[in-house]
Protein backbone atom coordinates (compact mmCIF):
# COMPACT_ATOMS: atom_id res chain seq x y z
CA MET A 1 0.00 0.00 0.00
CA LYS A 2 1.37 3.41 -0.95
CA ARG A 3 1.23 5.79 1.95
CA ARG A 4 3.38 8.69 0.76
CA GLY A 5 1.15 9.81 -2.11
CA PRO A 6 -1.66 11.33 -0.05
CA ARG A 7 0.87 12.96 2.26
CA PHE A 8 2.71 14.76 -0.54
CA ALA A 9 -0.60 15.62 -2.19
CA LEU A 10 -1.69 17.32 1.02
CA GLN A 11 1.63 19.13 1.22
CA TRP A 12 1.28 20.48 -2.30
CA ARG A 13 -2.31 21.45 -1.71
CA VAL A 14 -1.38 23.35 1.43
CA THR A 15 1.57 24.98 -0.35
CA ALA A 16 -0.56 25.95 -3.34
CA ALA A 17 -3.23 27.35 -1.04
CA LEU A 18 -0.66 29.41 0.87
CA MET A 19 0.88 30.76 -2.34
CA GLY A 20 -2.56 31.56 -3.72
CA ILE A 21 -3.49 33.36 -0.53
CA LEU A 22 -0.26 35.35 -0.72
CA LEU A 23 -0.19 36.08 -4.45
CA LEU A 24 -3.82 37.10 -4.83
CA PRO A 25 -3.55 40.27 -2.72
CA PHE A 26 -0.14 41.02 -4.27
CA VAL A 27 -1.50 40.79 -7.82
CA LEU A 28 -4.59 42.78 -6.94
CA SER A 29 -2.46 45.33 -5.14
CA TYR A 30 -0.16 45.67 -8.15
CA ALA A 31 -3.07 46.21 -10.52
CA LEU A 32 -4.64 48.64 -8.08
CA LEU A 33 -1.36 50.50 -7.68
CA GLN A 34 -1.02 50.78 -11.44
CA GLN A 35 -4.51 52.21 -11.67
CA VAL A 36 -3.91 54.51 -8.73
CA GLY A 37 -0.61 55.60 -10.29
CA HIS A 38 -2.30 56.54 -13.58
CA SER A 39 -5.14 58.29 -11.78
CA ALA A 40 -2.74 60.15 -9.54
CA ALA A 41 -0.58 61.12 -12.51
CA ASN A 42 -3.61 62.44 -14.42
CA TYR A 43 -4.82 64.35 -11.40
CA LYS A 44 -1.34 65.74 -10.81
CA ALA A 45 -0.96 66.69 -14.48
CA ASN A 46 -4.28 68.54 -14.47
CA GLU A 47 -3.37 70.25 -11.26
CA ALA A 48 0.07 71.12 -12.69
CA ARG A 49 -1.50 72.63 -15.82
CA GLU A 50 -3.74 74.82 -13.73
CA SER A 51 -0.80 75.85 -11.56
CA VAL A 52 1.38 76.61 -14.62
CA ALA A 53 -1.34 78.83 -16.06
CA ALA A 54 -1.64 80.72 -12.79
CA MET A 55 2.13 81.03 -12.45
CA GLU A 56 2.53 82.30 -16.00
CA LYS A 57 0.02 85.02 -15.17
CA SER A 58 2.12 85.82 -12.13
CA LEU A 59 5.23 86.03 -14.33
CA ASP A 60 3.41 88.48 -16.59
CA ALA A 61 2.51 90.49 -13.51
CA TYR A 62 6.15 90.44 -12.39
CA ARG A 63 7.31 91.65 -15.83
CA ASP A 64 4.66 94.36 -15.87
CA LEU A 65 5.81 95.41 -12.42
CA PHE A 66 9.43 95.61 -13.58
CA GLU A 67 8.51 97.69 -16.63
CA THR A 68 6.19 99.96 -14.67
CA THR A 69 8.85 100.53 -12.01
CA LYS A 70 11.45 101.38 -14.68
CA ARG A 71 9.09 103.84 -16.38
CA LEU A 72 8.16 105.39 -13.05
CA HIS A 73 11.79 105.86 -12.13
CA ALA A 74 12.53 107.32 -15.57
CA ASP A 75 9.56 109.70 -15.33
CA ILE A 76 10.64 110.94 -11.89
CA ALA A 77 14.21 111.39 -13.08
CA ASP A 78 13.06 113.26 -16.21
CA ARG A 79 10.73 115.48 -14.21
CA LEU A 80 13.33 116.42 -11.64
CA SER A 81 16.03 116.98 -14.28
CA ARG A 82 14.04 119.95 -15.66
CA ARG A 83 14.29 122.04 -12.50
CA ALA A 84 16.43 125.15 -13.03
CA GLN A 85 18.32 124.83 -9.76
CA LEU A 86 19.34 121.31 -10.60
CA ILE A 87 20.28 122.14 -14.20
CA ALA A 88 22.50 124.94 -12.89
CA LEU A 89 24.14 122.59 -10.42
CA ASP A 90 23.34 125.16 -7.75
CA PRO A 91 25.04 124.11 -4.54
CA LYS A 92 22.28 125.87 -2.61
CA ALA A 93 19.53 123.81 -4.16
CA ASP A 94 17.22 122.37 -1.47
CA LEU A 95 17.55 118.67 -2.33
CA ALA A 96 16.15 117.67 1.07
CA ALA A 97 12.89 119.48 0.36
CA ILE A 98 12.66 117.91 -3.06
CA LEU A 99 13.33 114.48 -1.50
CA ASP A 100 10.62 115.01 1.11
CA GLU A 101 8.13 115.89 -1.60
CA GLU A 102 8.87 112.73 -3.51
CA VAL A 103 8.75 110.57 -0.38
CA ALA A 104 5.43 112.14 0.46
CA ALA A 105 4.27 111.17 -3.04
CA GLN A 106 5.37 107.53 -2.29
CA SER A 107 7.84 107.44 -5.13
CA HIS A 108 10.25 105.27 -3.10
CA LEU A 109 12.99 107.86 -3.70
CA ARG A 110 15.53 107.64 -0.89
CA ALA A 111 18.47 109.86 -2.03
CA LEU A 112 19.34 112.65 -4.48
CA ALA A 113 22.74 113.93 -5.64
CA LEU A 114 24.03 116.53 -8.12
CA LEU A 115 27.15 115.42 -9.95
CA ARG A 116 29.56 117.45 -12.03
CA GLU A 117 30.80 116.23 -15.38
CA ASP A 118 33.79 114.62 -13.70
CA GLY A 119 31.50 112.74 -11.34
CA SER A 120 32.23 114.78 -8.24
CA VAL A 121 29.31 115.54 -5.92
CA VAL A 122 28.01 119.11 -5.81
CA ILE A 123 25.30 118.50 -3.22
CA GLU A 124 23.33 115.50 -1.94
CA ALA A 125 20.51 114.52 0.42
CA GLU A 126 19.20 111.15 1.60
CA HIS A 127 16.82 109.39 3.95
CA PRO A 128 18.43 106.50 5.84
CA LEU A 129 16.89 103.01 5.50
CA ASP A 130 14.77 101.68 8.33
CA PRO A 131 16.90 98.95 10.00
CA LYS A 132 13.83 96.68 10.19
CA GLN A 133 13.33 96.96 6.41
CA ALA A 134 16.99 96.90 5.41
CA ALA A 135 17.01 93.12 4.83
CA LYS A 136 13.96 93.27 2.53
CA LEU A 137 14.99 96.30 0.41
CA ARG A 138 17.87 97.24 -1.86
CA ASP A 139 18.93 100.44 -3.64
CA LYS A 140 18.51 101.07 -7.34
CA VAL A 141 20.48 104.01 -8.75
CA VAL A 142 19.28 105.99 -11.79
CA ASP A 143 21.57 108.62 -13.36
CA GLN A 144 19.73 111.33 -15.31
CA PRO A 145 21.92 113.61 -17.56
CA LEU A 146 21.54 117.40 -17.21
CA GLY A 147 22.05 119.89 -20.05
CA ASN A 148 25.26 121.41 -18.61
CA GLY A 149 27.24 118.17 -18.70
CA GLY A 150 26.39 117.26 -15.15
CA SER A 151 23.94 114.62 -13.99
CA LEU A 152 21.30 113.95 -11.38
CA ARG A 153 21.66 110.71 -9.40
CA LEU A 154 18.46 109.26 -7.96
CA THR A 155 18.47 106.36 -5.51
CA PHE A 156 15.22 104.38 -5.26
CA THR A 157 14.37 101.55 -2.83
CA VAL A 158 13.09 98.37 -4.42
CA SER A 159 12.28 94.86 -3.13
CA ALA A 160 15.44 92.85 -2.54
CA THR A 161 13.68 89.49 -3.21
CA LEU A 162 11.61 90.42 -6.20
CA GLN A 163 14.18 89.23 -8.76
CA GLU A 164 14.84 86.01 -6.86
CA GLU A 165 11.12 85.30 -6.58
CA TYR A 166 10.79 85.83 -10.31
CA GLN A 167 13.57 83.31 -11.00
CA ASN A 168 12.13 80.76 -8.55
CA LEU A 169 8.74 81.08 -10.16
CA ASN A 170 10.33 80.39 -13.53
CA LYS A 171 11.95 77.23 -12.19
CA MET A 172 8.69 76.02 -10.66
CA ILE A 173 6.94 76.51 -13.98
CA GLU A 174 9.60 74.37 -15.67
CA LYS A 175 9.15 71.57 -13.11
CA LEU A 176 5.37 71.66 -13.30
CA SER A 177 5.55 71.62 -17.07
CA TYR A 178 7.51 68.37 -16.81
CA SER A 179 4.87 66.96 -14.42
CA THR A 180 2.19 67.40 -17.05
CA GLN A 181 4.05 64.86 -19.21
CA ILE A 182 4.17 62.09 -16.55
CA ARG A 183 1.81 59.18 -17.34
CA THR A 184 2.03 57.40 -13.97
CA ALA A 185 2.81 58.47 -10.44
CA LEU A 186 4.48 55.12 -9.70
CA PRO A 187 8.19 55.20 -10.64
CA ASP A 188 9.66 52.30 -12.61
CA GLY A 189 11.98 51.47 -9.73
CA TYR A 190 9.02 50.99 -7.43
CA ARG A 191 7.26 48.69 -9.88
CA ILE A 192 10.39 46.58 -10.36
CA THR A 193 10.90 46.39 -6.61
CA PHE A 194 7.27 45.34 -6.16
CA VAL A 195 7.55 42.56 -8.75
CA VAL A 196 10.81 41.30 -7.23
CA THR A 197 9.17 41.32 -3.82
CA ILE A 198 6.29 39.23 -5.17
CA VAL A 199 8.68 36.67 -6.67
CA LEU A 200 10.81 36.41 -3.53
CA ALA A 201 7.74 36.21 -1.31
CA SER A 202 6.34 33.43 -3.50
CA LEU A 203 9.56 31.45 -3.19
CA VAL A 204 9.71 31.93 0.56
CA VAL A 205 6.05 31.00 0.99
CA GLY A 206 6.50 27.96 -1.23
CA ILE A 207 9.42 26.71 0.85
CA LEU A 208 7.67 27.54 4.11
CA GLY A 209 4.49 25.89 2.86
CA ILE A 210 6.32 22.63 2.16
CA VAL A 211 8.25 22.71 5.42
CA MET A 212 5.32 23.79 7.59
CA SER A 213 2.81 21.44 5.98
CA ARG A 214 5.30 18.62 6.50
CA ARG A 215 6.26 19.63 10.02
CA ILE A 216 2.96 20.93 11.38
CA ILE A 217 0.27 19.05 9.46
CA THR A 218 1.23 15.99 7.47
CA ARG A 219 3.81 14.68 9.93
CA ARG A 220 1.25 14.86 12.71
CA VAL A 221 -1.43 13.31 10.54
CA ASP A 222 1.05 10.50 9.78
CA ALA A 223 1.60 10.06 13.52
CA LEU A 224 -2.16 9.77 14.08
CA VAL A 225 -2.52 7.29 11.22
CA ALA A 226 0.44 5.23 12.44
CA THR A 227 -0.96 5.10 15.98
CA ALA A 228 -4.40 4.12 14.69
CA ARG A 229 -2.82 1.31 12.65
CA ARG A 230 -0.86 0.09 15.70
CA VAL A 231 -4.04 0.02 17.76
CA SER A 232 -5.85 -1.88 14.99
CA ASP A 233 -2.94 -4.36 14.95
CA GLY A 234 -3.51 -5.12 18.64
CA HIS A 235 -1.16 -2.67 20.36
CA VAL A 236 -3.85 -1.20 22.62
CA ASP A 237 -1.24 0.69 24.67
CA ALA A 238 -0.09 2.76 21.66
CA ARG A 239 -0.48 6.53 22.08
CA VAL A 240 0.30 9.49 19.83
CA ASP A 241 2.58 12.35 20.90
CA LEU A 242 1.68 15.66 19.23
CA PRO A 243 3.44 18.51 21.05
CA GLY A 244 2.13 22.05 20.96
CA GLN A 245 -1.04 23.90 21.90
CA ASP A 246 -2.81 24.14 18.55
CA GLU A 247 -5.80 22.26 17.16
CA MET A 248 -3.67 19.30 16.03
CA ALA A 249 -2.27 18.88 19.55
CA GLU A 250 -5.83 19.07 20.90
CA LEU A 251 -6.85 16.42 18.37
CA GLY A 252 -3.98 14.22 19.55
CA ASN A 253 -5.04 14.63 23.18
CA ALA A 254 -8.63 13.79 22.28
CA PHE A 255 -7.39 10.76 20.30
CA ASN A 256 -5.35 9.55 23.30
CA THR A 257 -8.31 10.14 25.62
CA MET A 258 -10.48 8.08 23.30
CA LEU A 259 -7.88 5.27 23.32
CA ASP A 260 -7.69 5.45 27.13
CA ASP A 261 -11.46 5.20 27.35
CA LEU A 262 -11.48 2.31 24.89
CA ALA A 263 -8.73 0.55 26.82
CA GLN A 264 -10.61 1.05 30.10
CA THR A 265 -13.87 -0.12 28.56
CA ARG A 266 -12.15 -3.14 27.05
CA SER A 267 -10.53 -3.94 30.38
CA GLN A 268 -13.89 -3.64 32.14
CA ILE A 269 -15.62 -5.85 29.59
CA GLU A 270 -12.88 -8.47 29.91
CA TYR A 271 -13.19 -8.25 33.69
CA LEU A 272 -16.95 -8.67 33.52
CA GLN A 273 -16.48 -11.65 31.23
CA ARG A 274 -14.10 -13.25 33.73
CA ILE A 275 -16.45 -12.50 36.60
CA GLY A 276 -19.31 -13.94 34.55
CA ALA A 277 -17.35 -17.17 34.14
CA TRP A 278 -16.64 -17.23 37.87
CA GLN A 279 -20.34 -16.67 38.52
CA ASP A 280 -21.21 -19.78 36.56
CA VAL A 281 -18.61 -21.77 38.48
CA ALA A 282 -19.80 -20.29 41.79
CA ARG A 283 -23.41 -21.23 41.11
CA ARG A 284 -22.43 -24.83 40.31
CA LEU A 285 -20.09 -25.12 43.30
CA ALA A 286 -22.70 -23.68 45.62
CA HIS A 287 -25.20 -26.24 44.40
CA GLU A 288 -22.76 -29.17 44.54
CA ILE A 289 -21.32 -28.30 47.95
CA LYS A 290 -24.57 -27.39 49.69
CA ASN A 291 -26.36 -30.67 49.06
CA PRO A 292 -23.98 -33.08 50.92
CA LEU A 293 -23.25 -30.73 53.86
CA THR A 294 -26.41 -31.48 55.81
CA PRO A 295 -26.15 -35.34 55.52
CA ILE A 296 -22.48 -35.18 56.51
CA GLN A 297 -23.29 -32.99 59.52
CA LEU A 298 -26.15 -35.27 60.61
CA ALA A 299 -24.05 -38.43 60.15
CA VAL A 300 -21.23 -37.06 62.30
CA GLN A 301 -23.64 -35.84 64.99
CA GLN A 302 -25.35 -39.26 65.04
CA THR A 303 -22.01 -41.06 65.26
CA VAL A 304 -20.88 -38.95 68.21
CA SER A 305 -24.17 -39.28 70.07
CA SER A 306 -24.53 -43.05 69.45
CA TYR A 307 -21.24 -44.02 71.13
CA LYS A 308 -22.09 -45.61 74.52
CA GLY A 309 -18.71 -47.10 75.33
CA ASP A 310 -16.60 -46.27 78.41
CA ASP A 311 -13.34 -45.50 76.55
CA ALA A 312 -12.86 -41.88 77.63
CA ARG A 313 -9.94 -41.30 75.29
CA PHE A 314 -11.84 -42.50 72.23
CA LYS A 315 -14.94 -40.60 73.29
CA LYS A 316 -12.92 -37.36 73.59
CA GLN A 317 -11.34 -37.97 70.18
CA LEU A 318 -14.78 -38.58 68.72
CA VAL A 319 -16.16 -35.37 70.24
CA ASP A 320 -13.16 -33.35 68.97
CA THR A 321 -13.66 -34.86 65.53
CA GLY A 322 -17.31 -33.85 65.60
CA GLU A 323 -16.42 -30.29 66.57
CA ILE A 324 -13.82 -30.07 63.78
CA VAL A 325 -16.31 -31.38 61.24
CA GLU A 326 -18.97 -28.94 62.55
CA GLU A 327 -16.52 -26.05 62.24
CA GLU A 328 -15.42 -27.02 58.73
CA ILE A 329 -19.03 -27.52 57.63
CA GLU A 330 -19.86 -24.05 58.96
CA GLY A 331 -16.90 -22.68 56.94
CA LEU A 332 -18.17 -24.47 53.87
CA ARG A 333 -21.63 -23.01 54.47
CA ARG A 334 -20.12 -19.49 54.57
CA LEU A 335 -18.25 -20.29 51.37
CA VAL A 336 -21.47 -21.51 49.78
CA ASP A 337 -23.20 -18.30 50.85
CA THR A 338 -20.40 -16.31 49.22
CA PHE A 339 -20.68 -18.40 46.06
CA ARG A 340 -24.41 -17.82 46.08
CA THR A 341 -23.88 -14.08 46.48
CA LEU A 342 -21.45 -13.98 43.53
CA GLY A 343 -23.66 -16.14 41.37
CA GLN A 344 -26.89 -14.35 42.16
CA LEU A 345 -25.96 -10.66 42.09
CA PRO A 346 -29.11 -8.66 41.32
CA LYS A 347 -29.37 -6.43 38.26
CA VAL A 348 -28.51 -2.77 38.80
CA GLU A 349 -31.61 -0.62 39.27
CA LYS A 350 -30.64 3.01 39.50
CA SER A 351 -32.40 5.78 41.38
CA PRO A 352 -31.30 9.16 42.82
CA ILE A 353 -29.28 8.65 46.02
CA ASP A 354 -27.78 11.23 48.36
CA LEU A 355 -24.32 9.90 49.21
CA ALA A 356 -24.39 11.55 52.64
CA GLU A 357 -27.50 9.58 53.59
CA LEU A 358 -26.01 6.35 52.26
CA VAL A 359 -22.82 6.76 54.33
CA GLU A 360 -24.82 7.70 57.43
CA GLU A 361 -26.68 4.39 57.09
CA LEU A 362 -23.32 2.60 57.20
CA LYS A 363 -22.63 4.19 60.58
CA LEU A 364 -25.76 2.53 61.96
CA ASP A 365 -23.87 -0.79 61.81
CA PRO A 366 -22.32 -1.32 65.30
CA MET A 367 -19.19 -2.73 63.68
CA PHE A 368 -18.65 0.49 61.72
CA ALA A 369 -20.01 3.12 64.14
CA ALA A 370 -16.80 3.64 66.15
CA LYS A 371 -14.39 3.10 63.25
CA LEU A 372 -15.90 5.15 60.43
CA VAL A 373 -14.83 8.81 59.96
CA VAL A 374 -16.80 10.75 57.34
CA HIS A 375 -15.65 13.84 55.41
CA PRO A 376 -18.68 15.07 53.44
CA PRO A 377 -18.36 17.86 50.82
CA LYS A 378 -19.83 21.32 51.32
CA SER A 379 -22.58 20.70 48.77
CA PRO A 380 -24.72 17.54 48.65
CA VAL A 381 -23.90 15.06 45.90
CA VAL A 382 -26.70 12.99 44.38
CA VAL A 383 -25.93 10.06 42.09
CA ARG A 384 -28.10 7.63 40.17
CA ALA A 385 -27.20 4.24 41.58
CA ASP A 386 -28.61 1.05 43.08
CA LYS A 387 -28.68 1.87 46.79
CA LEU A 388 -28.45 -1.73 48.01
CA LEU A 389 -25.52 -2.64 45.73
CA LEU A 390 -23.59 0.63 46.28
CA LYS A 391 -24.02 0.24 50.03
CA ARG A 392 -22.63 -3.31 49.73
CA VAL A 393 -19.56 -1.95 47.92
CA LEU A 394 -18.89 0.69 50.58
CA ALA A 395 -19.52 -1.78 53.41
CA ASN A 396 -17.03 -4.23 51.89
CA LEU A 397 -14.35 -1.54 51.49
CA VAL A 398 -14.89 -0.18 55.03
CA GLU A 399 -14.80 -3.67 56.52
CA ASN A 400 -11.59 -4.51 54.62
CA GLY A 401 -10.09 -1.22 55.80
CA ILE A 402 -10.91 -1.93 59.42
CA HIS A 403 -9.32 -5.40 59.18
CA ALA A 404 -6.25 -3.99 57.38
CA GLY A 405 -5.69 -1.40 60.12
CA GLN A 406 -6.14 -3.93 62.92
CA GLU A 407 -3.77 -6.40 61.25
CA ALA A 408 -1.19 -3.57 61.09
CA GLY A 409 -1.59 -2.98 64.81
CA LYS A 410 -3.56 0.24 64.46
CA ASP A 411 -6.99 1.29 65.73
CA GLY A 412 -8.63 0.29 62.44
CA GLN A 413 -10.24 3.65 61.70
CA VAL A 414 -11.41 4.19 58.11
CA GLU A 415 -12.04 7.59 56.51
CA VAL A 416 -14.62 8.07 53.75
CA ALA A 417 -14.87 11.20 51.58
CA TRP A 418 -16.47 12.09 48.29
CA GLY A 419 -16.87 15.00 45.90
CA ALA A 420 -17.94 15.89 42.36
CA ASP A 421 -15.47 17.06 39.73
CA ALA A 422 -15.39 20.66 38.45
CA ARG A 423 -17.45 19.83 35.34
CA GLY A 424 -20.09 18.00 37.35
CA GLU A 425 -19.78 14.83 35.27
CA SER A 426 -18.59 12.31 37.86
CA VAL A 427 -18.07 11.79 41.58
CA VAL A 428 -15.16 10.04 43.30
CA ILE A 429 -15.62 8.28 46.64
CA THR A 430 -12.41 7.56 48.57
CA VAL A 431 -11.98 4.99 51.34
CA ASP A 432 -8.71 5.38 53.29
CA ASP A 433 -7.47 2.86 55.86
CA ARG A 434 -4.52 2.70 58.25
CA GLY A 435 -3.16 -0.64 57.09
CA LYS A 436 0.07 -1.57 55.35
CA GLY A 437 -1.21 -0.58 51.93
CA VAL A 438 -1.35 -2.58 48.71
CA SER A 439 1.94 -3.58 47.09
CA GLU A 440 2.65 -2.79 43.46
CA ASP A 441 2.53 -6.48 42.57
CA ASN A 442 -0.95 -6.95 44.06
CA ARG A 443 -2.51 -3.71 42.77
CA ASP A 444 -3.62 -5.28 39.47
CA LYS A 445 -4.51 -8.69 40.93
CA ILE A 446 -6.36 -7.64 44.07
CA PHE A 447 -9.73 -7.44 42.27
CA GLU A 448 -9.44 -10.92 40.78
CA PRO A 449 -11.64 -13.61 42.42
CA TYR A 450 -10.00 -15.62 45.21
CA VAL A 451 -7.06 -13.22 45.50
CA THR A 452 -6.79 -11.74 49.01
CA THR A 453 -4.15 -10.36 51.36
CA LYS A 454 -6.31 -10.94 54.48
CA ALA A 455 -5.65 -13.77 56.89
CA THR A 456 -9.28 -14.81 56.49
CA GLY A 457 -11.63 -14.35 53.57
CA THR A 458 -12.50 -15.78 50.19
CA GLY A 459 -11.13 -12.99 48.00
CA LEU A 460 -14.51 -12.43 46.39
CA GLY A 461 -15.49 -9.19 48.15
CA LEU A 462 -13.38 -6.83 46.05
CA ALA A 463 -14.23 -8.73 42.88
CA ILE A 464 -17.94 -8.30 43.58
CA ALA A 465 -17.42 -4.63 44.54
CA ARG A 466 -15.60 -3.81 41.30
CA LYS A 467 -18.22 -5.64 39.24
CA ILE A 468 -20.93 -3.52 40.86
CA ALA A 469 -18.97 -0.30 40.23
CA ILE A 470 -18.46 -1.19 36.56
CA GLU A 471 -22.12 -2.06 36.11
CA HIS A 472 -22.89 1.46 37.39
CA GLY A 473 -20.80 2.87 34.53
CA GLY A 474 -17.91 3.66 36.89
CA GLU A 475 -14.79 1.98 38.23
CA LEU A 476 -13.17 0.77 41.45
CA ALA A 477 -9.40 1.03 41.71
CA VAL A 478 -6.52 1.34 44.15
CA ALA A 479 -4.92 4.78 44.14
CA PRO A 480 -1.26 4.72 43.00
CA ASN A 481 -0.14 6.63 46.10
CA ARG A 482 -0.76 5.87 49.75
CA ALA A 483 -3.64 7.58 51.53
CA PRO A 484 -2.97 10.48 53.95
CA THR A 485 -3.81 8.02 56.73
CA GLY A 486 -0.78 5.94 55.75
CA GLY A 487 -2.64 2.95 54.36
CA ALA A 488 -4.34 2.12 51.08
CA ARG A 489 -6.82 4.34 49.28
CA PHE A 490 -9.63 2.79 47.27
CA GLU A 491 -11.43 5.07 44.79
CA ILE A 492 -14.94 4.53 43.45
CA SER A 493 -15.77 6.70 40.44
CA LEU A 494 -19.41 7.04 39.41
CA PRO A 495 -20.99 9.10 36.62
CA LEU A 496 -23.39 11.84 37.66
CA ARG A 497 -25.10 11.88 34.26
CA GLY A 498 -25.92 9.43 31.52
CA PRO A 499 -28.42 6.64 30.86
CA ASP A 500 -29.41 4.01 33.38
CA ALA A 501 -27.87 1.28 31.21
CA SER A 502 -24.57 -0.28 32.29
CA LEU A 503 -21.95 -2.57 30.82
CA GLY A 504 -23.60 -5.50 32.56
């Protein structure tokens, strides 16, 4: 049988699914980015065209401003150059008054000077620049010729940044004009990088998909399949080990729990089958042994009573023999009663039972009253069980515990406690004694018929008790560790829910 095909098929399916999951958003994102790039480029181009048109109007305004300023300066220079005092290069000309007039007219004239033909200054006047405005303004000098060979020098204040702003505006128009030619806002380098990223991511995801599907999924599925095959081949103790805290690990734990339950159920069924066989034997033995006991007892009694001789020694021997036979017959009768009990166990009939009331009834027995210590839970626990049979189980365990403690030289006290689990699905009843405990070798055999560690007894009590517990859908077992009292701890587990049916 080929077992690797499905595993690799699953690996490739997982890998293909992972790559599809990864590539789909990448491809869609790339197409969307392309579309967004074109849309953004178109929007930017339209916006750039509008901005270029507005800026070109601003450039025209700047040029008009330059021309207007030049004409204004030329007109002022021409007008002032016609004054007689200035044409005559009169050193007494009141340039300060003329300057104040022009400043008052907001002509931005800051200084005036009369120059001879050789460039020497005849007279001059000026208004100093405001220190706060000095960084924003600069001087522009205009020389206006006079008719006598001299000249009039006019100094105007103009914006220091106007020329620079004009040049910057020109550069911005050039850049925006280039933007109108762009067809996409996504550079080629970005697109190449995106495609390379997609390819590399696909390779990485492909490798990771194979490794992870093998390591996380298929290997664990193989482990589950292998364990299932081992169990089907008869290895009922096989268990799967799936480390981690994910769903596969939870599946492995559930699988192991199922195998544990199956193993326990199988063990219980096998036990019930063995007990069933012993029941058949016990019924036959009880019938075969009971019938001759009475004739034997009567014959011995008649023999003892019919001797009329005067041999005292023989008579004493005969009486002792009768007593021994009576004692052994009584032992056989007890054994027959035990056989009858094992062979005629009633069918379990469940009904709601308060465990506290059941244990209190045990304390009514004089044998148990002084030896039984009860530790009830805070909340009452009600189970569906056969009261008579469950009471028999507890009585047997308490009696065994008392005997075990007394044989160990202790007071023979037995402690009984019970409580429901957190999920409210089952209840565990514990019976702790002060005996020597149960050895590891006897822990598995102690519930088999006719196996006992007591000086007296048939070894059927624990076998009957476990059979009753199993037929209630529960279990009777010896705890792996000693009880807090120092002796053995027997645990009876019973379900709190479920149907009335049992394995029996």
